[in-house]
PDB file of N, CA and C in Angstrom:
ATOM      1  N   LEU A   1     145.928-193.031  61.014  1.00  0.00           N
ATOM      2  CA  LEU A   1     145.628-193.773  60.843  1.00  0.00           C
ATOM      3  C   LEU A   1     146.074-194.809  62.873  1.00  0.00           C
ATOM      4  N   ALA A   2     147.164-194.055  63.076  1.00  0.00           N
ATOM      5  CA  ALA A   2     147.029-193.920  64.732  1.00  0.00           C
ATOM      6  C   ALA A   2     145.718-194.481  65.756  1.00  0.00           C
ATOM      7  N   ARG A   3     144.883-193.259  65.090  1.00  0.00           N
ATOM      8  CA  ARG A   3     143.970-193.207  65.735  1.00  0.00           C
ATOM      9  C   ARG A   3     142.980-194.948  65.991  1.00  0.00           C
ATOM     10  N   GLU A   4     142.903-194.794  64.833  1.00  0.00           N
ATOM     11  CA  GLU A   4     141.910-195.588  63.968  1.00  0.00           C
ATOM     12  C   GLU A   4     142.376-196.416  64.705  1.00  0.00           C
ATOM     13  N   LEU A   5     144.075-197.212  64.183  1.00  0.00           N
ATOM     14  CA  LEU A   5     144.396-198.287  64.945  1.00  0.00           C
ATOM     15  C   LEU A   5     144.292-198.648  66.065  1.00  0.00           C
ATOM     16  N   ALA A   6     144.605-197.721  67.398  1.00  0.00           N
ATOM     17  CA  ALA A   6     143.802-197.179  68.670  1.00  0.00           C
ATOM     18  C   ALA A   6     142.284-197.861  69.226  1.00  0.00           C
ATOM     19  N   MET A   7     141.315-196.893  67.872  1.00  0.00           N
ATOM     20  CA  MET A   7     140.190-197.908  68.426  1.00  0.00           C
ATOM     21  C   MET A   7     139.892-198.687  68.416  1.00  0.00           C
ATOM     22  N   TYR A   8     140.185-199.293  67.364  1.00  0.00           N
ATOM     23  CA  TYR A   8     140.528-200.304  67.011  1.00  0.00           C
ATOM     24  C   TYR A   8     140.784-201.619  67.701  1.00  0.00           C
ATOM     25  N   ASN A   9     141.537-201.575  68.659  1.00  0.00           N
ATOM     26  CA  ASN A   9     142.233-202.716  69.874  1.00  0.00           C
ATOM     27  C   ASN A   9     141.246-202.195  71.114  1.00  0.00           C
ATOM     28  N   LYS A  10     140.671-200.187  71.073  1.00  0.00           N
ATOM     29  CA  LYS A  10     139.841-200.029  72.446  1.00  0.00           C
ATOM     30  C   LYS A  10     141.025-199.474  73.065  1.00  0.00           C
ATOM     31  N   ILE A  11     141.553-198.997  72.527  1.00  0.00           N
ATOM     32  CA  ILE A  11     142.903-197.634  73.491  1.00  0.00           C
ATOM     33  C   ILE A  11     141.836-197.002  73.389  1.00  0.00           C
ATOM     34  N   ALA A  12     142.635-196.299  74.864  1.00  0.00           N
ATOM     35  CA  ALA A  12     142.046-194.542  75.206  1.00  0.00           C
ATOM     36  C   ALA A  12     143.060-193.680  74.307  1.00  0.00           C
ATOM     37  N   ASP A  13     143.755-193.118  75.002  1.00  0.00           N
ATOM     38  CA  ASP A  13     144.968-192.748  73.845  1.00  0.00           C
ATOM     39  C   ASP A  13     146.120-193.703  73.695  1.00  0.00           C
ATOM     40  N   PRO A  14     146.519-192.795  71.885  1.00  0.00           N
ATOM     41  CA  PRO A  14     147.241-193.952  70.810  1.00  0.00           C
ATOM     42  C   PRO A  14     148.531-192.858  71.086  1.00  0.00           C
ATOM     43  N   ASN A  15     148.686-192.682  71.965  1.00  0.00           N
ATOM     44  CA  ASN A  15     149.857-191.822  72.254  1.00  0.00           C
ATOM     45  C   ASN A  15     151.027-192.598  73.640  1.00  0.00           C
ATOM     46  N   LYS A  16     149.673-193.482  73.997  1.00  0.00           N
ATOM     47  CA  LYS A  16     150.509-194.059  75.251  1.00  0.00           C
ATOM     48  C   LYS A  16     150.153-195.630  74.762  1.00  0.00           C
ATOM     49  N   VAL A  17     150.448-196.370  74.090  1.00  0.00           N
ATOM     50  CA  VAL A  17     150.898-197.383  74.056  1.00  0.00           C
ATOM     51  C   VAL A  17     151.921-198.047  75.044  1.00  0.00           C
ATOM     52  N   ASN A  18     151.757-199.225  75.805  1.00  0.00           N
ATOM     53  CA  ASN A  18     153.261-199.929  76.428  1.00  0.00           C
ATOM     54  C   ASN A  18     153.536-200.602  75.372  1.00  0.00           C
ATOM     55  N   GLU A  19     154.901-200.790  75.721  1.00  0.00           N
ATOM     56  CA  GLU A  19     155.633-201.811  75.041  1.00  0.00           C
ATOM     57  C   GLU A  19     155.441-203.540  75.110  1.00  0.00           C
ATOM     58  N   GLY A  20     155.056-204.020  74.050  1.00  0.00           N
ATOM     59  CA  GLY A  20     154.921-204.994  75.264  1.00  0.00           C
ATOM     60  C   GLY A  20     153.094-205.266  73.820  1.00  0.00           C
ATOM     61  N   ARG A  21     152.268-204.417  73.742  1.00  0.00           N
ATOM     62  CA  ARG A  21     150.624-204.955  74.558  1.00  0.00           C
ATOM     63  C   ARG A  21     150.975-204.755  72.157  1.00  0.00           C
ATOM     64  N   ARG A  22     150.147-205.845  72.820  1.00  0.00           N
ATOM     65  CA  ARG A  22     149.253-207.150  71.567  1.00  0.00           C
ATOM     66  C   ARG A  22     148.141-205.876  70.811  1.00  0.00           C
ATOM     67  N   LEU A  23     148.411-205.528  69.736  1.00  0.00           N
ATOM     68  CA  LEU A  23     146.713-205.192  68.288  1.00  0.00           C
ATOM     69  C   LEU A  23     146.453-206.277  67.120  1.00  0.00           C
ATOM     70  N   ARG A  24     145.609-206.183  67.544  1.00  0.00           N
ATOM     71  CA  ARG A  24     144.773-206.540  66.506  1.00  0.00           C
ATOM     72  C   ARG A  24     145.258-205.576  65.700  1.00  0.00           C
ATOM     73  N   ILE A  25     145.535-206.564  63.593  1.00  0.00           N
ATOM     74  CA  ILE A  25     145.659-205.689  62.553  1.00  0.00           C
ATOM     75  C   ILE A  25     145.270-205.979  61.414  1.00  0.00           C
ATOM     76  N   PRO A  26     143.487-205.593  61.498  1.00  0.00           N
ATOM     77  CA  PRO A  26     142.718-206.564  60.140  1.00  0.00           C
ATOM     78  C   PRO A  26     143.638-206.381  59.208  1.00  0.00           C
ATOM     79  N   LYS A  27     143.184-207.862  58.954  1.00  0.00           N
ATOM     80  CA  LYS A  27     142.734-208.943  57.291  1.00  0.00           C
ATOM     81  C   LYS A  27     143.439-207.917  56.136  1.00  0.00           C
ATOM     82  N   LYS A  28     142.234-206.052  56.248  1.00  0.00           N
ATOM     83  CA  LYS A  28     142.370-205.593  55.817  1.00  0.00           C
ATOM     84  C   LYS A  28     142.660-204.169  55.963  1.00  0.00           C
ATOM     85  N   PRO A  29     143.952-203.399  56.168  1.00  0.00           N
ATOM     86  CA  PRO A  29     143.938-202.272  56.433  1.00  0.00           C
ATOM     87  C   PRO A  29     143.070-201.138  56.233  1.00  0.00           C
ATOM     88  N   GLU A  30     142.717-201.198  54.473  1.00  0.00           N
ATOM     89  CA  GLU A  30     141.720-199.858  54.163  1.00  0.00           C
ATOM     90  C   GLU A  30     140.700-200.054  55.169  1.00  0.00           C
ATOM     91  N   VAL A  31     140.144-200.933  55.769  1.00  0.00           N
ATOM     92  CA  VAL A  31     139.051-200.804  56.307  1.00  0.00           C
ATOM     93  C   VAL A  31     139.455-199.498  57.133  1.00  0.00           C
ATOM     94  N   LEU A  32     140.882-199.975  57.783  1.00  0.00           N
ATOM     95  CA  LEU A  32     141.002-198.348  58.657  1.00  0.00           C
ATOM     96  C   LEU A  32     141.000-197.510  59.033  1.00  0.00           C
ATOM     97  N   ILE A  33     142.111-197.174  57.160  1.00  0.00           N
ATOM     98  CA  ILE A  33     142.610-196.633  56.619  1.00  0.00           C
ATOM     99  C   ILE A  33     141.146-194.924  55.847  1.00  0.00           C
ATOM    100  N   ARG A  34     140.356-196.158  55.844  1.00  0.00           N
ATOM    101  CA  ARG A  34     138.495-195.609  54.828  1.00  0.00           C
ATOM    102  C   ARG A  34     138.060-195.152  56.299  1.00  0.00           C
ATOM    103  N   GLY A  35     138.085-196.135  57.479  1.00  0.00           N
ATOM    104  CA  GLY A  35     137.142-195.871  58.709  1.00  0.00           C
ATOM    105  C   GLY A  35     136.041-196.233  58.307  1.00  0.00           C
ATOM    106  N   GLU A  36     135.810-197.159  57.996  1.00  0.00           N
ATOM    107  CA  GLU A  36     134.983-197.884  57.869  1.00  0.00           C
ATOM    108  C   GLU A  36     134.687-199.434  58.954  1.00  0.00           C
ATOM    109  N   MET A  37     135.406-198.844  60.298  1.00  0.00           N
ATOM    110  CA  MET A  37     135.482-199.470  61.558  1.00  0.00           C
ATOM    111  C   MET A  37     134.319-199.498  62.144  1.00  0.00           C
ATOM    112  N   ALA A  38     134.265-201.253  62.401  1.00  0.00           N
ATOM    113  CA  ALA A  38     133.196-202.186  63.679  1.00  0.00           C
ATOM    114  C   ALA A  38     133.648-203.010  64.211  1.00  0.00           C
ATOM    115  N   LEU A  39     133.237-202.776  65.372  1.00  0.00           N
ATOM    116  CA  LEU A  39     134.298-204.590  66.456  1.00  0.00           C
ATOM    117  C   LEU A  39     133.420-204.709  66.711  1.00  0.00           C
ATOM    118  N   GLN A  40     133.866-206.255  65.909  1.00  0.00           N
ATOM    119  CA  GLN A  40     133.210-207.731  66.256  1.00  0.00           C
ATOM    120  C   GLN A  40     133.216-208.659  66.368  1.00  0.00           C
ATOM    121  N   SER A  41     133.257-209.007  67.723  1.00  0.00           N
ATOM    122  CA  SER A  41     133.982-209.932  67.971  1.00  0.00           C
ATOM    123  C   SER A  41     135.830-210.192  67.274  1.00  0.00           C
ATOM    124  N   ASN A  42     136.998-209.333  67.834  1.00  0.00           N
ATOM    125  CA  ASN A  42     138.072-209.783  66.958  1.00  0.00           C
ATOM    126  C   ASN A  42     138.106-209.646  65.227  1.00  0.00           C
ATOM    127  N   SER A  43     136.706-209.137  65.131  1.00  0.00           N
ATOM    128  CA  SER A  43     137.239-209.350  63.039  1.00  0.00           C
ATOM    129  C   SER A  43     136.165-208.028  62.597  1.00  0.00           C
ATOM    130  N   ILE A  44     136.790-207.650  61.797  1.00  0.00           N
ATOM    131  CA  ILE A  44     135.816-206.518  60.709  1.00  0.00           C
ATOM    132  C   ILE A  44     135.194-206.539  60.406  1.00  0.00           C
ATOM    133  N   SER A  45     133.827-205.348  59.521  1.00  0.00           N
ATOM    134  CA  SER A  45     132.981-205.639  58.547  1.00  0.00           C
ATOM    135  C   SER A  45     132.917-204.004  58.407  1.00  0.00           C
ATOM    136  N   PRO A  46     131.701-204.006  57.565  1.00  0.00           N
ATOM    137  CA  PRO A  46     131.511-202.584  57.095  1.00  0.00           C
ATOM    138  C   PRO A  46     131.341-202.235  57.760  1.00  0.00           C
ATOM    139  N   ALA A  47     131.037-200.581  58.608  1.00  0.00           N
ATOM    140  CA  ALA A  47     130.196-200.469  60.079  1.00  0.00           C
ATOM    141  C   ALA A  47     129.168-199.644  59.209  1.00  0.00           C
ATOM    142  N   SER A  48     127.933-199.643  60.177  1.00  0.00           N
ATOM    143  CA  SER A  48     126.714-198.999  60.171  1.00  0.00           C
ATOM    144  C   SER A  48     126.583-197.907  59.515  1.00  0.00           C
ATOM    145  N   LYS A  49     127.603-196.627  60.135  1.00  0.00           N
ATOM    146  CA  LYS A  49     127.943-195.275  60.225  1.00  0.00           C
ATOM    147  C   LYS A  49     129.253-195.078  60.181  1.00  0.00           C
ATOM    148  N   PRO A  50     130.016-194.609  58.756  1.00  0.00           N
ATOM    149  CA  PRO A  50     131.909-195.033  58.744  1.00  0.00           C
ATOM    150  C   PRO A  50     131.673-193.364  59.581  1.00  0.00           C
ATOM    151  N   MET A  51     133.154-193.304  59.984  1.00  0.00           N
ATOM    152  CA  MET A  51     133.991-192.270  60.368  1.00  0.00           C
ATOM    153  C   MET A  51     133.716-190.902  59.812  1.00  0.00           C
ATOM    154  N   ALA A  52     132.934-189.886  60.190  1.00  0.00           N
ATOM    155  CA  ALA A  52     133.480-188.696  59.054  1.00  0.00           C
ATOM    156  C   ALA A  52     134.284-188.727  58.846  1.00  0.00           C
ATOM    157  N   THR A  53     133.947-187.524  57.562  1.00  0.00           N
ATOM    158  CA  THR A  53     135.492-188.315  56.633  1.00  0.00           C
ATOM    159  C   THR A  53     135.161-186.371  56.615  1.00  0.00           C
ATOM    160  N   THR A  54     136.133-185.901  55.001  1.00  0.00           N
ATOM    161  CA  THR A  54     135.730-184.717  54.240  1.00  0.00           C
ATOM    162  C   THR A  54     135.061-185.185  53.150  1.00  0.00           C
ATOM    163  N   SER A  55     135.534-184.023  52.330  1.00  0.00           N
ATOM    164  CA  SER A  55     134.475-183.694  51.213  1.00  0.00           C
ATOM    165  C   SER A  55     135.269-184.212  50.552  1.00  0.00           C
ATOM    166  N   ARG A  56     136.924-184.313  50.012  1.00  0.00           N
ATOM    167  CA  ARG A  56     137.760-184.747  49.493  1.00  0.00           C
ATOM    168  C   ARG A  56     137.901-186.435  48.433  1.00  0.00           C
ATOM    169  N   PRO A  57     138.302-186.890  48.352  1.00  0.00           N
ATOM    170  CA  PRO A  57     137.978-188.190  46.980  1.00  0.00           C
ATOM    171  C   PRO A  57     138.750-189.029  48.291  1.00  0.00           C
ATOM    172  N   GLU A  58     138.767-190.389  48.745  1.00  0.00           N
ATOM    173  CA  GLU A  58     139.754-190.960  49.399  1.00  0.00           C
ATOM    174  C   GLU A  58     140.815-191.381  48.135  1.00  0.00           C
ATOM    175  N   PRO A  59     141.777-191.231  48.760  1.00  0.00           N
ATOM    176  CA  PRO A  59     143.357-192.006  47.713  1.00  0.00           C
ATOM    177  C   PRO A  59     143.238-193.420  47.802  1.00  0.00           C
ATOM    178  N   ALA A  60     143.776-193.809  46.437  1.00  0.00           N
ATOM    179  CA  ALA A  60     144.372-195.018  46.426  1.00  0.00           C
ATOM    180  C   ALA A  60     144.960-196.117  47.917  1.00  0.00           C
ATOM    181  N   LEU A  61     144.669-197.059  48.561  1.00  0.00           N
ATOM    182  CA  LEU A  61     144.966-197.676  49.154  1.00  0.00           C
ATOM    183  C   LEU A  61     146.660-197.843  49.098  1.00  0.00           C
ATOM    184  N   LEU A  62     147.377-196.838  49.077  1.00  0.00           N
ATOM    185  CA  LEU A  62     148.817-197.697  48.022  1.00  0.00           C
ATOM    186  C   LEU A  62     149.916-198.072  48.886  1.00  0.00           C
ATOM    187  N   PHE A  63     149.954-198.586  50.060  1.00  0.00           N
ATOM    188  CA  PHE A  63     150.855-198.972  51.408  1.00  0.00           C
ATOM    189  C   PHE A  63     150.068-200.664  52.586  1.00  0.00           C
ATOM    190  N   THR A  64     151.170-201.207  52.462  1.00  0.00           N
ATOM    191  CA  THR A  64     150.534-202.285  53.101  1.00  0.00           C
ATOM    192  C   THR A  64     150.798-202.186  54.406  1.00  0.00           C
ATOM    193  N   MET A  65     150.807-202.199  55.845  1.00  0.00           N
ATOM    194  CA  MET A  65     151.024-202.249  57.220  1.00  0.00           C
ATOM    195  C   MET A  65     152.265-203.104  57.789  1.00  0.00           C
ATOM    196  N   TYR A  66     152.810-202.967  58.719  1.00  0.00           N
ATOM    197  CA  TYR A  66     154.198-203.870  58.943  1.00  0.00           C
ATOM    198  C   TYR A  66     154.030-203.889  60.332  1.00  0.00           C
ATOM    199  N   THR A  67     154.144-204.547  61.704  1.00  0.00           N
ATOM    200  CA  THR A  67     153.963-204.247  62.919  1.00  0.00           C
ATOM    201  C   THR A  67     155.926-204.395  63.041  1.00  0.00           C
ATOM    202  N   ILE A  68     156.315-204.116  64.139  1.00  0.00           N
ATOM    203  CA  ILE A  68     157.507-203.962  64.421  1.00  0.00           C
ATOM    204  C   ILE A  68     158.124-204.740  65.465  1.00  0.00           C
ATOM    205  N   LYS A  69     158.947-205.605  65.389  1.00  0.00           N
ATOM    206  CA  LYS A  69     159.560-206.422  66.052  1.00  0.00           C
ATOM    207  C   LYS A  69     160.770-206.243  66.230  1.00  0.00           C
ATOM    208  N   THR A  70     160.983-207.176  67.911  1.00  0.00           N
ATOM    209  CA  THR A  70     162.482-206.365  68.183  1.00  0.00           C
ATOM    210  C   THR A  70     162.842-207.031  67.095  1.00  0.00           C
ATOM    211  N   GLY A  71     164.192-206.618  67.351  1.00  0.00           N
ATOM    212  CA  GLY A  71     165.922-206.210  66.571  1.00  0.00           C
ATOM    213  C   GLY A  71     165.292-205.931  65.767  1.00  0.00           C
ATOM    214  N   ASP A  72     164.236-205.275  64.476  1.00  0.00           N
ATOM    215  CA  ASP A  72     163.976-204.856  63.596  1.00  0.00           C
ATOM    216  C   ASP A  72     165.067-203.411  63.908  1.00  0.00           C
ATOM    217  N   ILE A  73     165.553-203.270  62.217  1.00  0.00           N
ATOM    218  CA  ILE A  73     166.233-202.266  62.044  1.00  0.00           C
ATOM    219  C   ILE A  73     165.539-201.947  60.766  1.00  0.00           C
ATOM    220  N   LEU A  74     165.658-199.854  60.247  1.00  0.00           N
ATOM    221  CA  LEU A  74     164.644-199.310  59.554  1.00  0.00           C
ATOM    222  C   LEU A  74     165.707-199.912  58.220  1.00  0.00           C
ATOM    223  N   SER A  75     166.740-200.206  58.195  1.00  0.00           N
ATOM    224  CA  SER A  75     167.564-200.294  56.419  1.00  0.00           C
ATOM    225  C   SER A  75     167.151-201.833  56.416  1.00  0.00           C
ATOM    226  N   ARG A  76     167.464-202.950  57.143  1.00  0.00           N
ATOM    227  CA  ARG A  76     167.196-204.283  56.931  1.00  0.00           C
ATOM    228  C   ARG A  76     165.406-204.800  56.368  1.00  0.00           C
ATOM    229  N   LEU A  77     164.413-203.841  57.592  1.00  0.00           N
ATOM    230  CA  LEU A  77     162.902-203.596  56.528  1.00  0.00           C
ATOM    231  C   LEU A  77     162.719-203.135  55.332  1.00  0.00           C
ATOM    232  N   SER A  78     163.614-201.831  55.121  1.00  0.00           N
ATOM    233  CA  SER A  78     163.891-201.226  54.140  1.00  0.00           C
ATOM    234  C   SER A  78     164.419-202.931  52.667  1.00  0.00           C
ATOM    235  N   GLN A  79     165.100-203.192  53.331  1.00  0.00           N
ATOM    236  CA  GLN A  79     165.414-204.613  52.226  1.00  0.00           C
ATOM    237  C   GLN A  79     165.039-205.219  52.167  1.00  0.00           C
ATOM    238  N   ASP A  80     164.526-206.155  53.127  1.00  0.00           N
ATOM    239  CA  ASP A  80     162.948-206.859  52.646  1.00  0.00           C
ATOM    240  C   ASP A  80     161.929-206.908  52.585  1.00  0.00           C
ATOM    241  N   LEU A  81     161.683-205.733  52.470  1.00  0.00           N
ATOM    242  CA  LEU A  81     159.636-205.226  52.186  1.00  0.00           C
ATOM    243  C   LEU A  81     160.299-204.602  50.437  1.00  0.00           C
ATOM    244  N   LEU A  82     160.871-203.741  50.323  1.00  0.00           N
ATOM    245  CA  LEU A  82     160.671-202.729  49.551  1.00  0.00           C
ATOM    246  C   LEU A  82     162.246-203.473  48.344  1.00  0.00           C
ATOM    247  N   GLY A  83     162.624-204.797  48.811  1.00  0.00           N
ATOM    248  CA  GLY A  83     164.286-204.461  48.537  1.00  0.00           C
ATOM    249  C   GLY A  83     165.390-204.171  47.643  1.00  0.00           C
ATOM    250  N   THR A  84     165.371-203.169  47.734  1.00  0.00           N
ATOM    251  CA  THR A  84     166.589-201.840  48.447  1.00  0.00           C
ATOM    252  C   THR A  84     166.954-201.586  48.673  1.00  0.00           C
ATOM    253  N   THR A  85     167.592-200.872  50.313  1.00  0.00           N
ATOM    254  CA  THR A  85     167.663-200.149  51.135  1.00  0.00           C
ATOM    255  C   THR A  85     168.008-198.360  50.972  1.00  0.00           C
ATOM    256  N   ARG A  86     168.175-198.734  49.358  1.00  0.00           N
ATOM    257  CA  ARG A  86     167.851-197.085  48.744  1.00  0.00           C
ATOM    258  C   ARG A  86     166.834-196.631  48.922  1.00  0.00           C
ATOM    259  N   ARG A  87     165.414-197.704  49.465  1.00  0.00           N
ATOM    260  CA  ARG A  87     164.059-196.857  49.348  1.00  0.00           C
ATOM    261  C   ARG A  87     163.919-196.323  51.463  1.00  0.00           C
ATOM    262  N   MET A  88     164.722-196.585  51.802  1.00  0.00           N
ATOM    263  CA  MET A  88     164.346-196.061  53.838  1.00  0.00           C
ATOM    264  C   MET A  88     164.321-195.491  53.420  1.00  0.00           C
ATOM    265  N   LYS A  89     164.908-193.932  53.151  1.00  0.00           N
ATOM    266  CA  LYS A  89     164.285-193.096  53.410  1.00  0.00           C
ATOM    267  C   LYS A  89     162.941-192.486  52.710  1.00  0.00           C
ATOM    268  N   GLU A  90     162.358-193.378  52.435  1.00  0.00           N
ATOM    269  CA  GLU A  90     161.071-193.244  52.341  1.00  0.00           C
ATOM    270  C   GLU A  90     160.526-193.799  52.703  1.00  0.00           C
ATOM    271  N   LEU A  91     160.609-194.991  53.901  1.00  0.00           N
ATOM    272  CA  LEU A  91     159.779-195.707  54.441  1.00  0.00           C
ATOM    273  C   LEU A  91     159.939-194.928  56.085  1.00  0.00           C
ATOM    274  N   GLN A  92     160.874-193.906  55.533  1.00  0.00           N
ATOM    275  CA  GLN A  92     160.654-193.204  57.682  1.00  0.00           C
ATOM    276  C   GLN A  92     160.415-192.489  57.179  1.00  0.00           C
ATOM    277  N   GLU A  93     160.319-191.204  56.102  1.00  0.00           N
ATOM    278  CA  GLU A  93     159.526-190.131  55.749  1.00  0.00           C
ATOM    279  C   GLU A  93     157.809-191.332  55.179  1.00  0.00           C
ATOM    280  N   LEU A  94     157.425-192.000  54.506  1.00  0.00           N
ATOM    281  CA  LEU A  94     155.476-192.340  54.704  1.00  0.00           C
ATOM    282  C   LEU A  94     155.554-192.337  56.514  1.00  0.00           C
ATOM    283  N   ASN A  95     156.533-193.204  58.140  1.00  0.00           N
ATOM    284  CA  ASN A  95     155.789-192.957  58.997  1.00  0.00           C
ATOM    285  C   ASN A  95     156.582-192.454  59.691  1.00  0.00           C
ATOM    286  N   ARG A  96     157.249-190.745  59.832  1.00  0.00           N
ATOM    287  CA  ARG A  96     157.553-189.923  60.050  1.00  0.00           C
ATOM    288  C   ARG A  96     156.893-189.384  61.968  1.00  0.00           C
ATOM    289  N   ASP A  97     155.213-189.708  60.866  1.00  0.00           N
ATOM    290  CA  ASP A  97     154.173-189.532  62.752  1.00  0.00           C
ATOM    291  C   ASP A  97     154.121-190.833  63.439  1.00  0.00           C
ATOM    292  N   VAL A  98     154.630-192.200  63.665  1.00  0.00           N
ATOM    293  CA  VAL A  98     155.059-193.004  64.489  1.00  0.00           C
ATOM    294  C   VAL A  98     156.725-193.531  63.920  1.00  0.00           C
ATOM    295  N   ILE A  99     157.955-193.552  63.349  1.00  0.00           N
ATOM    296  CA  ILE A  99     158.947-192.800  63.888  1.00  0.00           C
ATOM    297  C   ILE A  99     159.878-191.668  63.739  1.00  0.00           C
ATOM    298  N   LYS A 100     159.675-191.920  65.453  1.00  0.00           N
ATOM    299  CA  LYS A 100     160.271-190.813  65.938  1.00  0.00           C
ATOM    300  C   LYS A 100     161.675-190.570  65.308  1.00  0.00           C
ATOM    301  N   ASN A 101     162.744-191.719  65.877  1.00  0.00           N
ATOM    302  CA  ASN A 101     163.704-191.746  65.698  1.00  0.00           C
ATOM    303  C   ASN A 101     164.062-192.967  65.008  1.00  0.00           C
ATOM    304  N   PRO A 102     165.018-193.215  63.550  1.00  0.00           N
ATOM    305  CA  PRO A 102     165.173-194.529  63.080  1.00  0.00           C
ATOM    306  C   PRO A 102     165.888-195.489  63.212  1.00  0.00           C
ATOM    307  N   ASP A 103     166.266-195.014  64.127  1.00  0.00           N
ATOM    308  CA  ASP A 103     167.134-195.400  64.907  1.00  0.00           C
ATOM    309  C   ASP A 103     167.005-196.744  66.182  1.00  0.00           C
ATOM    310  N   ARG A 104     166.426-196.492  66.609  1.00  0.00           N
ATOM    311  CA  ARG A 104     165.668-196.924  67.338  1.00  0.00           C
ATOM    312  C   ARG A 104     163.575-197.277  66.769  1.00  0.00           C
ATOM    313  N   LEU A 105     163.978-198.049  66.776  1.00  0.00           N
ATOM    314  CA  LEU A 105     162.225-198.628  66.637  1.00  0.00           C
ATOM    315  C   LEU A 105     161.840-199.314  67.738  1.00  0.00           C
ATOM    316  N   ILE A 106     160.876-198.776  67.893  1.00  0.00           N
ATOM    317  CA  ILE A 106     159.633-199.157  68.908  1.00  0.00           C
ATOM    318  C   ILE A 106     159.360-200.687  68.450  1.00  0.00           C
ATOM    319  N   PRO A 107     159.752-202.129  68.645  1.00  0.00           N
ATOM    320  CA  PRO A 107     158.323-203.028  68.842  1.00  0.00           C
ATOM    321  C   PRO A 107     156.782-202.949  68.831  1.00  0.00           C
ATOM    322  N   GLY A 108     156.421-203.316  68.202  1.00  0.00           N
ATOM    323  CA  GLY A 108     154.481-202.992  68.721  1.00  0.00           C
ATOM    324  C   GLY A 108     154.174-201.850  67.831  1.00  0.00           C
ATOM    325  N   THR A 109     155.251-200.394  66.979  1.00  0.00           N
ATOM    326  CA  THR A 109     154.981-199.349  66.294  1.00  0.00           C
ATOM    327  C   THR A 109     154.605-200.554  65.346  1.00  0.00           C
ATOM    328  N   VAL A 110     153.019-199.863  64.270  1.00  0.00           N
ATOM    329  CA  VAL A 110     152.608-200.300  63.507  1.00  0.00           C
ATOM    330  C   VAL A 110     152.822-199.510  62.441  1.00  0.00           C
ATOM    331  N   ILE A 111     153.328-199.989  60.884  1.00  0.00           N
ATOM    332  CA  ILE A 111     153.955-198.582  59.943  1.00  0.00           C
ATOM    333  C   ILE A 111     153.115-199.198  58.182  1.00  0.00           C
ATOM    334  N   LYS A 112     153.600-198.193  57.725  1.00  0.00           N
ATOM    335  CA  LYS A 112     153.031-198.196  56.954  1.00  0.00           C
ATOM    336  C   LYS A 112     154.059-197.912  55.253  1.00  0.00           C
ATOM    337  N   VAL A 113     153.604-199.730  54.565  1.00  0.00           N
ATOM    338  CA  VAL A 113     155.424-199.397  53.603  1.00  0.00           C
ATOM    339  C   VAL A 113     154.819-199.797  52.893  1.00  0.00           C
ATOM    340  N   PRO A 114     154.591-198.594  50.880  1.00  0.00           N
ATOM    341  CA  PRO A 114     154.820-198.693  49.740  1.00  0.00           C
ATOM    342  C   PRO A 114     154.261-200.267  49.426  1.00  0.00           C
ATOM    343  N   LYS A 115     153.364-200.109  48.440  1.00  0.00           N
ATOM    344  CA  LYS A 115     153.015-201.312  47.999  1.00  0.00           C
ATOM    345  C   LYS A 115     154.191-201.118  46.488  1.00  0.00           C
ATOM    346  N   ASN A 116     153.997-200.360  45.774  1.00  0.00           N
ATOM    347  CA  ASN A 116     155.494-200.297  45.181  1.00  0.00           C
ATOM    348  C   ASN A 116     156.628-200.618  45.262  1.00  0.00           C
TER     349      ASN A 116
END
């Protein structure tokens, strides 16, 4: 997902995004997840040529996206977004590729939040 979001924002290396950089997040994150991206003046539409995918079926979209803000902490995000702090580990595991240290969330980082 980081690669797709980087492509959507014309970022060459998704591992090198400066703090404070504004990222465009599509209104329908499943567009990024399913690889149906097209860049068209700050909006997205299904691409005429979808990105290459594996032969296995696509999973249903089971999460939404949230952009970390200054001052966010994982326990509060878990409470606010999932209704309980007991799901903090689940939130951390789902985002282990972008949350390296759960005690230091980086503003601008886009995380997945389970829908249920």
